[in-house]
Amino acid sequence: MSKSLSSHKTNLQDIDWYAVACRIRKQNEQLKGKIAQLESIIAQQKEQLSAQSQTGKQPDDEITGQKITELTEEIEAQKKHISQLTEEIEKLQKQVALLERECSFLQEDCHEKEAQLRILEQENRELKIRLQRQQRYTIEYKNALEQILRNHNISLPRSFETLKINSWSAGTKEEENLRESSSLSPADKEENVGQNPTTPRENSAPNLEKEEKRKPPRLPQFGTSKKNQ
């Protein structure tokens, strides 16, 4: 049923309704002219009959009656044909109105889809901008992190260049060792410095303070206590 309706709609859409209406209107005008011609012939026949009756001539009643009957039947047939054409015109007008209504619905649907498409395109542009911004921020953060790590690696001894980051517990032990070394008395510090002949005695305390300042806050395992020891 739906296939037949769709095929019927397709056939209706393929018809040139304007040309059909023009053709029907032309036929209607021709039929009206023919009816007027037949009516004029009937009027002439009646005039001839009246003239013959006035002059006293006896017309051939059979021939005249036959002609009148034929003309009357032809007029009735033409009227019936006109009524059929009128009904067909009304049907075509209804179909045209239906097609116009469907066309308006399709136009509204098309406008709605265009609006939705514009909204989606705007959202897509915004998402692209946000993605580019996040990528730029990620690159900046990566460069900053690499710079921090690079600076940190430069400040460390060569023996620490290949040292991996220890676990959180190892970092906690390093902090405890750093606190213990900072809490030692001057005599103990001198004793520790004496045990390490490669480090100058007079520069041990300033180096310790400098290394504490240079140490990154998020990498506690890279303390400077071992360096100064």
C-alpha atoms as a PDB file:
ATOM      1  CA  MET A   1       0.000   0.000   0.000  1.00  0.00           C
ATOM      2  CA  SER A   2       2.797   2.402   0.948  1.00  0.00           C
ATOM      3  CA  LYS A   3       4.716   1.515  -2.234  1.00  0.00           C
ATOM      4  CA  SER A   4       1.658   2.248  -4.365  1.00  0.00           C
ATOM      5  CA  LEU A   5       1.128   5.560  -2.580  1.00  0.00           C
ATOM      6  CA  SER A   6       4.772   6.529  -3.018  1.00  0.00           C
ATOM      7  CA  SER A   7       4.686   5.573  -6.705  1.00  0.00           C
ATOM      8  CA  HIS A   8       1.441   7.514  -7.094  1.00  0.00           C
ATOM      9  CA  LYS A   9       3.074  10.562  -5.474  1.00  0.00           C
ATOM     10  CA  THR A  10       6.063  10.199  -7.759  1.00  0.00           C
ATOM     11  CA  ASN A  11       3.801  10.056 -10.819  1.00  0.00           C
ATOM     12  CA  LEU A  12       1.879  13.091  -9.596  1.00  0.00           C
ATOM     13  CA  GLN A  13       5.097  15.012  -9.091  1.00  0.00           C
ATOM     14  CA  ASP A  14       6.246  14.189 -12.623  1.00  0.00           C
ATOM     15  CA  ILE A  15       3.062  15.630 -14.210  1.00  0.00           C
ATOM     16  CA  ASP A  16       3.124  19.183 -15.500  1.00  0.00           C
ATOM     17  CA  TRP A  17      -0.050  20.397 -13.776  1.00  0.00           C
ATOM     18  CA  TYR A  18       0.056  23.794 -15.418  1.00  0.00           C
ATOM     19  CA  ALA A  19       0.047  22.273 -18.898  1.00  0.00           C
ATOM     20  CA  VAL A  20      -2.799  19.922 -17.923  1.00  0.00           C
ATOM     21  CA  ALA A  21      -4.883  22.809 -16.585  1.00  0.00           C
ATOM     22  CA  CYS A  22      -4.233  24.849 -19.735  1.00  0.00           C
ATOM     23  CA  ARG A  23      -5.255  21.949 -21.963  1.00  0.00           C
ATOM     24  CA  ILE A  24      -8.447  21.322 -19.990  1.00  0.00           C
ATOM     25  CA  ARG A  25      -9.307  25.017 -20.023  1.00  0.00           C
ATOM     26  CA  LYS A  26      -8.802  25.124 -23.793  1.00  0.00           C
ATOM     27  CA  GLN A  27     -11.067  22.111 -24.298  1.00  0.00           C
ATOM     28  CA  ASN A  28     -13.645  23.712 -22.040  1.00  0.00           C
ATOM     29  CA  GLU A  29     -13.602  26.883 -24.121  1.00  0.00           C
ATOM     30  CA  GLN A  30     -13.946  24.855 -27.318  1.00  0.00           C
ATOM     31  CA  LEU A  31     -16.919  22.962 -25.895  1.00  0.00           C
ATOM     32  CA  LYS A  32     -18.562  26.170 -24.789  1.00  0.00           C
ATOM     33  CA  GLY A  33     -18.115  27.593 -28.270  1.00  0.00           C
ATOM     34  CA  LYS A  34     -19.582  24.454 -29.799  1.00  0.00           C
ATOM     35  CA  ILE A  35     -22.563  24.600 -27.435  1.00  0.00           C
ATOM     36  CA  ALA A  36     -23.109  28.223 -28.347  1.00  0.00           C
ATOM     37  CA  GLN A  37     -22.931  27.267 -32.029  1.00  0.00           C
ATOM     38  CA  LEU A  38     -25.478  24.475 -31.549  1.00  0.00           C
ATOM     39  CA  GLU A  39     -27.767  26.766 -29.605  1.00  0.00           C
ATOM     40  CA  SER A  40     -27.554  29.313 -32.408  1.00  0.00           C
ATOM     41  CA  ILE A  41     -28.413  26.559 -34.922  1.00  0.00           C
ATOM     42  CA  ILE A  42     -31.416  25.559 -32.819  1.00  0.00           C
ATOM     43  CA  ALA A  43     -32.482  29.177 -32.629  1.00  0.00           C
ATOM     44  CA  GLN A  44     -32.190  29.456 -36.397  1.00  0.00           C
ATOM     45  CA  GLN A  45     -34.254  26.295 -36.850  1.00  0.00           C
ATOM     46  CA  LYS A  46     -36.899  27.679 -34.550  1.00  0.00           C
ATOM     47  CA  GLU A  47     -36.936  30.929 -36.479  1.00  0.00           C
ATOM     48  CA  GLN A  48     -37.256  29.019 -39.711  1.00  0.00           C
ATOM     49  CA  LEU A  49     -40.139  27.023 -38.273  1.00  0.00           C
ATOM     50  CA  SER A  50     -41.843  30.127 -37.059  1.00  0.00           C
ATOM     51  CA  ALA A  51     -41.289  31.801 -40.423  1.00  0.00           C
ATOM     52  CA  GLN A  52     -42.678  28.812 -42.254  1.00  0.00           C
ATOM     53  CA  SER A  53     -45.677  28.734 -39.978  1.00  0.00           C
ATOM     54  CA  GLN A  54     -46.283  32.406 -40.578  1.00  0.00           C
ATOM     55  CA  THR A  55     -46.037  32.046 -44.371  1.00  0.00           C
ATOM     56  CA  GLY A  56     -48.405  29.133 -44.262  1.00  0.00           C
ATOM     57  CA  LYS A  57     -45.907  26.574 -45.407  1.00  0.00           C
ATOM     58  CA  GLN A  58     -46.117  23.195 -43.761  1.00  0.00           C
ATOM     59  CA  PRO A  59     -42.601  22.115 -42.652  1.00  0.00           C
ATOM     60  CA  ASP A  60     -41.522  18.614 -42.692  1.00  0.00           C
ATOM     61  CA  ASP A  61     -42.255  17.785 -39.062  1.00  0.00           C
ATOM     62  CA  GLU A  62     -40.325  14.538 -39.080  1.00  0.00           C
ATOM     63  CA  ILE A  63     -37.073  16.031 -40.437  1.00  0.00           C
ATOM     64  CA  THR A  64     -37.290  19.038 -38.177  1.00  0.00           C
ATOM     65  CA  GLY A  65     -38.082  16.939 -35.128  1.00  0.00           C
ATOM     66  CA  GLN A  66     -35.175  14.597 -35.890  1.00  0.00           C
ATOM     67  CA  LYS A  67     -32.761  17.507 -36.225  1.00  0.00           C
ATOM     68  CA  ILE A  68     -33.983  19.035 -32.998  1.00  0.00           C
ATOM     69  CA  THR A  69     -33.581  15.704 -31.209  1.00  0.00           C
ATOM     70  CA  GLU A  70     -30.043  15.224 -32.531  1.00  0.00           C
ATOM     71  CA  LEU A  71     -29.041  18.730 -31.566  1.00  0.00           C
ATOM     72  CA  THR A  72     -30.556  18.332 -28.117  1.00  0.00           C
ATOM     73  CA  GLU A  73     -28.725  15.043 -27.564  1.00  0.00           C
ATOM     74  CA  GLU A  74     -25.467  16.596 -28.704  1.00  0.00           C
ATOM     75  CA  ILE A  75     -25.976  19.503 -26.334  1.00  0.00           C
ATOM     76  CA  GLU A  76     -26.630  17.115 -23.450  1.00  0.00           C
ATOM     77  CA  ALA A  77     -23.523  15.099 -24.322  1.00  0.00           C
ATOM     78  CA  GLN A  78     -21.423  18.252 -24.435  1.00  0.00           C
ATOM     79  CA  LYS A  79     -22.834  19.388 -21.091  1.00  0.00           C
ATOM     80  CA  LYS A  80     -22.013  16.001 -19.593  1.00  0.00           C
ATOM     81  CA  HIS A  81     -18.489  16.223 -20.987  1.00  0.00           C
ATOM     82  CA  ILE A  82     -18.134  19.715 -19.531  1.00  0.00           C
ATOM     83  CA  SER A  83     -19.252  18.465 -16.120  1.00  0.00           C
ATOM     84  CA  GLN A  84     -16.694  15.652 -16.308  1.00  0.00           C
ATOM     85  CA  LEU A  85     -13.950  18.098 -17.204  1.00  0.00           C
ATOM     86  CA  THR A  86     -15.044  20.357 -14.341  1.00  0.00           C
ATOM     87  CA  GLU A  87     -14.807  17.470 -11.880  1.00  0.00           C
ATOM     88  CA  GLU A  88     -11.371  16.599 -13.236  1.00  0.00           C
ATOM     89  CA  ILE A  89     -10.257  20.203 -12.813  1.00  0.00           C
ATOM     90  CA  GLU A  90     -11.461  20.175  -9.202  1.00  0.00           C
ATOM     91  CA  LYS A  91      -9.536  16.964  -8.518  1.00  0.00           C
ATOM     92  CA  LEU A  92      -6.417  18.433 -10.078  1.00  0.00           C
ATOM     93  CA  GLN A  93      -6.806  21.573  -7.982  1.00  0.00           C
ATOM     94  CA  LYS A  94      -7.056  19.445  -4.827  1.00  0.00           C
ATOM     95  CA  GLN A  95      -3.945  17.524  -5.843  1.00  0.00           C
ATOM     96  CA  VAL A  96      -2.098  20.777  -6.515  1.00  0.00           C
ATOM     97  CA  ALA A  97      -3.117  22.090  -3.076  1.00  0.00           C
ATOM     98  CA  LEU A  98      -1.907  18.846  -1.482  1.00  0.00           C
ATOM     99  CA  LEU A  99       1.415  19.070  -3.299  1.00  0.00           C
ATOM    100  CA  GLU A 100       1.816  22.704  -2.265  1.00  0.00           C
ATOM    101  CA  ARG A 101       1.175  21.766   1.373  1.00  0.00           C
ATOM    102  CA  GLU A 102       3.719  18.927   1.180  1.00  0.00           C
ATOM    103  CA  CYS A 103       6.189  21.314  -0.438  1.00  0.00           C
ATOM    104  CA  SER A 104       5.733  23.799   2.422  1.00  0.00           C
ATOM    105  CA  PHE A 105       6.321  21.010   4.958  1.00  0.00           C
ATOM    106  CA  LEU A 106       9.472  19.950   3.128  1.00  0.00           C
ATOM    107  CA  GLN A 107      10.713  23.543   3.064  1.00  0.00           C
ATOM    108  CA  GLU A 108      10.148  23.906   6.820  1.00  0.00           C
ATOM    109  CA  ASP A 109      11.968  20.631   7.435  1.00  0.00           C
ATOM    110  CA  CYS A 110      14.821  21.787   5.223  1.00  0.00           C
ATOM    111  CA  HIS A 111      15.081  25.091   7.128  1.00  0.00           C
ATOM    112  CA  GLU A 112      15.144  23.249  10.461  1.00  0.00           C
ATOM    113  CA  LYS A 113      17.880  20.916   9.242  1.00  0.00           C
ATOM    114  CA  GLU A 114      19.893  23.867   7.946  1.00  0.00           C
ATOM    115  CA  ALA A 115      19.598  25.557  11.355  1.00  0.00           C
ATOM    116  CA  GLN A 116      20.686  22.351  13.104  1.00  0.00           C
ATOM    117  CA  LEU A 117      23.589  22.035  10.675  1.00  0.00           C
ATOM    118  CA  ARG A 118      24.708  25.603  11.423  1.00  0.00           C
ATOM    119  CA  ILE A 119      24.556  24.874  15.176  1.00  0.00           C
ATOM    120  CA  LEU A 120      26.606  21.691  14.732  1.00  0.00           C
ATOM    121  CA  GLU A 121      29.162  23.528  12.604  1.00  0.00           C
ATOM    122  CA  GLN A 122      29.482  26.217  15.285  1.00  0.00           C
ATOM    123  CA  GLU A 123      29.943  23.567  17.982  1.00  0.00           C
ATOM    124  CA  ASN A 124      32.518  21.819  15.804  1.00  0.00           C
ATOM    125  CA  ARG A 125      34.476  25.058  15.377  1.00  0.00           C
ATOM    126  CA  GLU A 126      34.374  25.702  19.121  1.00  0.00           C
ATOM    127  CA  LEU A 127      35.563  22.168  19.862  1.00  0.00           C
ATOM    128  CA  LYS A 128      38.416  22.556  17.364  1.00  0.00           C
ATOM    129  CA  ILE A 129      39.441  25.828  19.017  1.00  0.00           C
ATOM    130  CA  ARG A 130      39.335  24.208  22.450  1.00  0.00           C
ATOM    131  CA  LEU A 131      41.340  21.237  21.187  1.00  0.00           C
ATOM    132  CA  GLN A 132      43.984  23.511  19.668  1.00  0.00           C
ATOM    133  CA  ARG A 133      44.152  25.493  22.910  1.00  0.00           C
ATOM    134  CA  GLN A 134      44.550  22.326  24.968  1.00  0.00           C
ATOM    135  CA  GLN A 135      47.233  21.052  22.601  1.00  0.00           C
ATOM    136  CA  ARG A 136      49.083  24.353  22.910  1.00  0.00           C
ATOM    137  CA  TYR A 137      48.832  24.248  26.706  1.00  0.00           C
ATOM    138  CA  THR A 138      50.029  20.636  26.692  1.00  0.00           C
ATOM    139  CA  ILE A 139      53.051  21.564  24.580  1.00  0.00           C
ATOM    140  CA  GLU A 140      53.832  24.489  26.880  1.00  0.00           C
ATOM    141  CA  TYR A 141      53.536  22.297  29.965  1.00  0.00           C
ATOM    142  CA  LYS A 142      55.702  19.647  28.340  1.00  0.00           C
ATOM    143  CA  ASN A 143      58.379  22.178  27.416  1.00  0.00           C
ATOM    144  CA  ALA A 144      58.306  23.676  30.906  1.00  0.00           C
ATOM    145  CA  LEU A 145      58.574  20.238  32.489  1.00  0.00           C
ATOM    146  CA  GLU A 146      61.462  19.300  30.209  1.00  0.00           C
ATOM    147  CA  GLN A 147      63.182  22.578  31.067  1.00  0.00           C
ATOM    148  CA  ILE A 148      62.751  21.924  34.792  1.00  0.00           C
ATOM    149  CA  LEU A 149      64.065  18.391  34.461  1.00  0.00           C
ATOM    150  CA  ARG A 150      66.923  19.608  32.285  1.00  0.00           C
ATOM    151  CA  ASN A 151      67.900  22.244  34.806  1.00  0.00           C
ATOM    152  CA  HIS A 152      67.644  19.723  37.603  1.00  0.00           C
ATOM    153  CA  ASN A 153      69.814  17.200  35.797  1.00  0.00           C
ATOM    154  CA  ILE A 154      72.468  19.858  35.116  1.00  0.00           C
ATOM    155  CA  SER A 155      72.671  20.742  38.803  1.00  0.00           C
ATOM    156  CA  LEU A 156      73.098  17.105  39.851  1.00  0.00           C
ATOM    157  CA  PRO A 157      76.429  15.180  39.801  1.00  0.00           C
ATOM    158  CA  ARG A 158      77.168  12.836  36.941  1.00  0.00           C
ATOM    159  CA  SER A 159      76.574   9.833  39.139  1.00  0.00           C
ATOM    160  CA  PHE A 160      72.913  10.927  39.445  1.00  0.00           C
ATOM    161  CA  GLU A 161      72.251  11.500  35.739  1.00  0.00           C
ATOM    162  CA  THR A 162      71.097   7.934  35.128  1.00  0.00           C
ATOM    163  CA  LEU A 163      69.431   7.558  38.501  1.00  0.00           C
ATOM    164  CA  LYS A 164      65.765   6.723  38.239  1.00  0.00           C
ATOM    165  CA  ILE A 165      63.107   8.316  40.402  1.00  0.00           C
ATOM    166  CA  ASN A 166      62.687   6.316  43.584  1.00  0.00           C
ATOM    167  CA  SER A 167      59.438   5.423  45.223  1.00  0.00           C
ATOM    168  CA  TRP A 168      57.634   7.652  47.707  1.00  0.00           C
ATOM    169  CA  SER A 169      59.035   5.724  50.663  1.00  0.00           C
ATOM    170  CA  ALA A 170      62.597   6.190  49.398  1.00  0.00           C
ATOM    171  CA  GLY A 171      61.954   9.903  49.009  1.00  0.00           C
ATOM    172  CA  THR A 172      60.693  10.053  52.584  1.00  0.00           C
ATOM    173  CA  LYS A 173      63.924   8.427  53.840  1.00  0.00           C
ATOM    174  CA  GLU A 174      65.961  10.992  51.908  1.00  0.00           C
ATOM    175  CA  GLU A 175      64.030  13.810  53.586  1.00  0.00           C
ATOM    176  CA  GLU A 176      64.668  12.278  57.005  1.00  0.00           C
ATOM    177  CA  ASN A 177      68.392  12.032  56.266  1.00  0.00           C
ATOM    178  CA  LEU A 178      68.385  15.657  55.144  1.00  0.00           C
ATOM    179  CA  ARG A 179      66.690  16.751  58.352  1.00  0.00           C
ATOM    180  CA  GLU A 180      69.179  14.731  60.443  1.00  0.00           C
ATOM    181  CA  SER A 181      72.138  16.269  58.620  1.00  0.00           C
ATOM    182  CA  SER A 182      70.744  19.787  59.086  1.00  0.00           C
ATOM    183  CA  SER A 183      70.206  19.145  62.831  1.00  0.00           C
ATOM    184  CA  LEU A 184      73.836  18.069  63.458  1.00  0.00           C
ATOM    185  CA  SER A 185      76.063  20.226  65.580  1.00  0.00           C
ATOM    186  CA  PRO A 186      78.984  22.133  64.006  1.00  0.00           C
ATOM    187  CA  ALA A 187      81.432  19.639  65.477  1.00  0.00           C
ATOM    188  CA  ASP A 188      79.557  16.719  63.918  1.00  0.00           C
ATOM    189  CA  LYS A 189      79.425  18.542  60.588  1.00  0.00           C
ATOM    190  CA  GLU A 190      83.176  19.147  60.727  1.00  0.00           C
ATOM    191  CA  GLU A 191      83.672  15.470  61.520  1.00  0.00           C
ATOM    192  CA  ASN A 192      81.523  14.457  58.532  1.00  0.00           C
ATOM    193  CA  VAL A 193      83.392  16.873  56.286  1.00  0.00           C
ATOM    194  CA  GLY A 194      86.684  15.444  57.466  1.00  0.00           C
ATOM    195  CA  GLN A 195      85.540  11.987  56.437  1.00  0.00           C
ATOM    196  CA  ASN A 196      85.049  13.284  52.844  1.00  0.00           C
ATOM    197  CA  PRO A 197      88.396  14.808  51.747  1.00  0.00           C
ATOM    198  CA  THR A 198      87.104  15.641  48.248  1.00  0.00           C
ATOM    199  CA  THR A 199      84.678  18.309  49.549  1.00  0.00           C
ATOM    200  CA  PRO A 200      86.165  21.570  50.936  1.00  0.00           C
ATOM    201  CA  ARG A 201      85.390  22.107  54.612  1.00  0.00           C
ATOM    202  CA  GLU A 202      84.717  25.833  54.453  1.00  0.00           C
ATOM    203  CA  ASN A 203      82.200  25.517  51.542  1.00  0.00           C
ATOM    204  CA  SER A 204      80.099  22.622  52.885  1.00  0.00           C
ATOM    205  CA  ALA A 205      77.451  24.721  54.680  1.00  0.00           C
ATOM    206  CA  PRO A 206      76.862  27.247  51.836  1.00  0.00           C
ATOM    207  CA  ASN A 207      76.677  24.427  49.295  1.00  0.00           C
ATOM    208  CA  LEU A 208      74.098  22.665  51.440  1.00  0.00           C
ATOM    209  CA  GLU A 209      71.911  25.775  51.578  1.00  0.00           C
ATOM    210  CA  LYS A 210      72.256  26.329  47.821  1.00  0.00           C
ATOM    211  CA  GLU A 211      71.377  22.737  47.037  1.00  0.00           C
ATOM    212  CA  GLU A 212      68.345  22.927  49.323  1.00  0.00           C
ATOM    213  CA  LYS A 213      67.142  25.986  47.400  1.00  0.00           C
ATOM    214  CA  ARG A 214      67.778  24.340  44.037  1.00  0.00           C
ATOM    215  CA  LYS A 215      66.040  21.101  44.909  1.00  0.00           C
ATOM    216  CA  PRO A 216      62.652  20.816  43.092  1.00  0.00           C
ATOM    217  CA  PRO A 217      59.674  20.614  45.460  1.00  0.00           C
ATOM    218  CA  ARG A 218      58.191  17.564  43.690  1.00  0.00           C
ATOM    219  CA  LEU A 219      61.414  15.520  43.571  1.00  0.00           C
ATOM    220  CA  PRO A 220      62.384  15.073  47.246  1.00  0.00           C
ATOM    221  CA  GLN A 221      64.491  11.982  46.544  1.00  0.00           C
ATOM    222  CA  PHE A 222      67.160  14.116  44.846  1.00  0.00           C
ATOM    223  CA  GLY A 223      68.475  15.610  48.082  1.00  0.00           C
ATOM    224  CA  THR A 224      71.946  17.148  48.481  1.00  0.00           C
ATOM    225  CA  SER A 225      72.954  15.469  51.717  1.00  0.00           C
ATOM    226  CA  LYS A 226      74.876  12.764  49.898  1.00  0.00           C
ATOM    227  CA  LYS A 227      76.603  15.322  47.718  1.00  0.00           C
ATOM    228  CA  ASN A 228      77.886  17.282  50.693  1.00  0.00           C
ATOM    229  CA  GLN A 229      78.844  14.135  52.553  1.00  0.00           C
END
